Amino acid sequence: MALERTFSIIKPDATRRNLTGKINAKFEEAGLRIIAQKRIQMTKAQAGTFYAVHAERPFYDELCTFMSSAPVVVQVLEGEGAIAKNREIMGATNPADAAPGTIRAEFAESVGENSVHGSDAPETAAEEIAYFFAGLELVG
């Protein structure tokens, strides 16, 4: 497998409950390195632009409101097969379907408040990383 970078968000439901360290421990224990990270408060407009791919879906407005409701931690993870590994560590979107030991199985409160976001493809990862980070901020 190739060394990859992927994008991750620790969502408001998780930051409210001080789960950042526990979630990051799962990434690191699986062999991913955090090469850029910051805690931010997104505006609803920023969340709207970031999630524009979902603009036509019925949950879009609720998603943007939720993502701007409290601080989030945006980060870049690096490792062998980082995109697939991150998605495996996160677990299924619906926590009821997530495998035991995954982030969503352990920490998600609902389908909508599922604690984490992760890129789904190399192209998406590159776009999402560039949305939040300048090249000099990636220090892997």
Protein backbone atom coordinates (compact mmCIF):
# COMPACT_ATOMS: atom_id res chain seq x y z
CA MET A 1 0.00 0.00 0.00
CA ALA A 2 1.06 3.54 -0.67
CA LEU A 3 1.64 6.28 1.87
CA GLU A 4 -1.45 8.51 1.74
CA ARG A 5 -2.92 11.54 3.40
CA THR A 6 -6.55 11.87 4.36
CA PHE A 7 -8.71 14.48 6.02
CA SER A 8 -10.54 14.02 9.31
CA ILE A 9 -12.93 16.08 11.39
CA ILE A 10 -13.76 15.42 15.01
CA LYS A 11 -17.31 16.75 15.07
CA PRO A 12 -19.13 18.97 17.62
CA ASP A 13 -20.80 16.07 19.45
CA ALA A 14 -17.37 14.61 20.21
CA THR A 15 -15.59 17.88 21.07
CA ARG A 16 -18.42 18.80 23.47
CA ARG A 17 -17.75 15.55 25.35
CA ASN A 18 -13.94 15.97 25.38
CA LEU A 19 -13.35 12.90 23.21
CA THR A 20 -10.61 14.37 21.00
CA GLY A 21 -7.79 12.50 22.75
CA LYS A 22 -9.64 9.16 22.78
CA ILE A 23 -10.49 9.47 19.09
CA ASN A 24 -6.96 10.49 18.12
CA ALA A 25 -5.57 7.56 20.13
CA LYS A 26 -7.56 5.21 17.88
CA PHE A 27 -6.04 6.78 14.76
CA GLU A 28 -2.52 6.60 16.17
CA GLU A 29 -2.91 3.04 17.48
CA ALA A 30 -3.90 2.00 13.95
CA GLY A 31 -0.68 3.46 12.55
CA LEU A 32 -1.90 6.83 11.30
CA ARG A 33 0.10 9.96 12.08
CA ILE A 34 -1.52 13.33 12.69
CA ILE A 35 0.53 15.70 10.53
CA ALA A 36 -1.69 18.78 10.84
CA GLN A 37 -4.38 19.68 13.34
CA LYS A 38 -6.37 22.66 14.58
CA ARG A 39 -9.46 23.34 16.61
CA ILE A 40 -11.80 25.76 14.87
CA GLN A 41 -15.35 27.06 15.04
CA MET A 42 -16.88 26.84 11.58
CA THR A 43 -19.49 29.35 10.51
CA LYS A 44 -22.65 27.99 8.92
CA ALA A 45 -21.42 29.42 5.59
CA GLN A 46 -18.09 27.58 5.90
CA ALA A 47 -19.88 24.35 6.73
CA GLY A 48 -22.20 24.94 3.78
CA THR A 49 -19.30 25.35 1.38
CA PHE A 50 -17.48 22.33 2.78
CA TYR A 51 -20.58 20.11 2.53
CA ALA A 52 -21.81 21.62 -0.78
CA VAL A 53 -21.86 18.14 -2.33
CA HIS A 54 -24.88 17.44 -0.09
CA ALA A 55 -26.71 20.71 -0.87
CA GLU A 56 -29.65 18.97 -2.56
CA ARG A 57 -30.15 16.43 0.21
CA PRO A 58 -32.83 16.92 2.87
CA PHE A 59 -30.33 16.81 5.76
CA TYR A 60 -28.04 19.56 4.36
CA ASP A 61 -29.32 22.49 6.44
CA GLU A 62 -29.38 20.41 9.63
CA LEU A 63 -25.82 19.21 8.89
CA CYS A 64 -24.52 22.76 8.39
CA THR A 65 -26.24 23.94 11.57
CA PHE A 66 -24.78 21.03 13.54
CA MET A 67 -21.24 21.44 12.17
CA SER A 68 -21.25 25.13 13.13
CA SER A 69 -22.81 24.56 16.57
CA ALA A 70 -19.55 24.03 18.49
CA PRO A 71 -15.81 23.72 17.83
CA VAL A 72 -14.47 20.93 15.65
CA VAL A 73 -10.97 19.53 15.24
CA VAL A 74 -9.82 19.40 11.63
CA GLN A 75 -6.77 17.30 10.90
CA VAL A 76 -4.69 15.54 8.30
CA LEU A 77 -3.81 11.90 8.86
CA GLU A 78 -0.97 10.15 7.07
CA GLY A 79 -0.10 6.48 6.72
CA GLU A 80 -0.19 3.40 4.54
CA GLY A 81 -3.62 3.27 2.91
CA ALA A 82 -4.72 6.15 5.15
CA ILE A 83 -8.07 6.75 3.45
CA ALA A 84 -9.32 3.17 3.80
CA LYS A 85 -7.76 2.76 7.23
CA ASN A 86 -9.43 5.94 8.51
CA ARG A 87 -12.81 4.82 7.19
CA GLU A 88 -12.36 1.43 8.86
CA ILE A 89 -11.45 3.06 12.20
CA MET A 90 -14.46 5.41 11.95
CA GLY A 91 -16.97 2.62 11.33
CA ALA A 92 -20.31 2.77 9.53
CA THR A 93 -22.13 6.12 9.41
CA ASN A 94 -25.01 4.64 11.38
CA PRO A 95 -23.53 3.73 14.78
CA ALA A 96 -25.98 0.83 15.05
CA ASP A 97 -24.21 -0.73 12.04
CA ALA A 98 -20.67 0.16 13.12
CA ALA A 99 -18.32 -2.66 14.08
CA PRO A 100 -17.37 -2.95 17.76
CA GLY A 101 -14.29 -0.93 18.65
CA THR A 102 -14.81 1.65 15.91
CA ILE A 103 -15.13 5.34 16.75
CA ARG A 104 -18.79 5.52 15.78
CA ALA A 105 -19.71 2.33 17.65
CA GLU A 106 -18.11 3.70 20.81
CA PHE A 107 -18.82 7.43 20.64
CA ALA A 108 -21.51 8.39 18.09
CA GLU A 109 -24.81 9.62 19.48
CA SER A 110 -26.84 9.15 16.28
CA VAL A 111 -26.54 8.90 12.50
CA GLY A 112 -26.27 12.69 12.31
CA GLU A 113 -24.10 13.18 15.38
CA ASN A 114 -21.62 10.47 14.56
CA SER A 115 -18.45 12.05 16.03
CA VAL A 116 -16.18 12.00 12.95
CA HIS A 117 -15.90 12.77 9.25
CA GLY A 118 -13.33 11.26 6.91
CA SER A 119 -12.49 11.62 3.24
CA ASP A 120 -13.78 8.90 0.93
CA ALA A 121 -11.26 9.10 -1.95
CA PRO A 122 -7.85 10.60 -2.80
CA GLU A 123 -9.42 13.47 -4.78
CA THR A 124 -11.82 14.30 -1.95
CA ALA A 125 -9.00 14.14 0.59
CA ALA A 126 -6.91 16.62 -1.42
CA GLU A 127 -9.84 19.04 -1.75
CA GLU A 128 -10.82 18.78 1.91
CA ILE A 129 -7.25 19.21 3.14
CA ALA A 130 -6.79 22.29 0.95
CA TYR A 131 -10.04 23.79 2.27
CA PHE A 132 -8.68 23.96 5.83
CA PHE A 133 -4.87 23.84 5.56
CA ALA A 134 -2.13 25.71 3.71
CA GLY A 135 0.75 23.58 2.44
CA LEU A 136 3.13 24.87 5.11
CA GLU A 137 0.82 23.58 7.84
CA LEU A 138 1.35 19.95 6.76
CA VAL A 139 4.35 18.90 8.75
CA GLY A 140 4.64 15.16 8.15
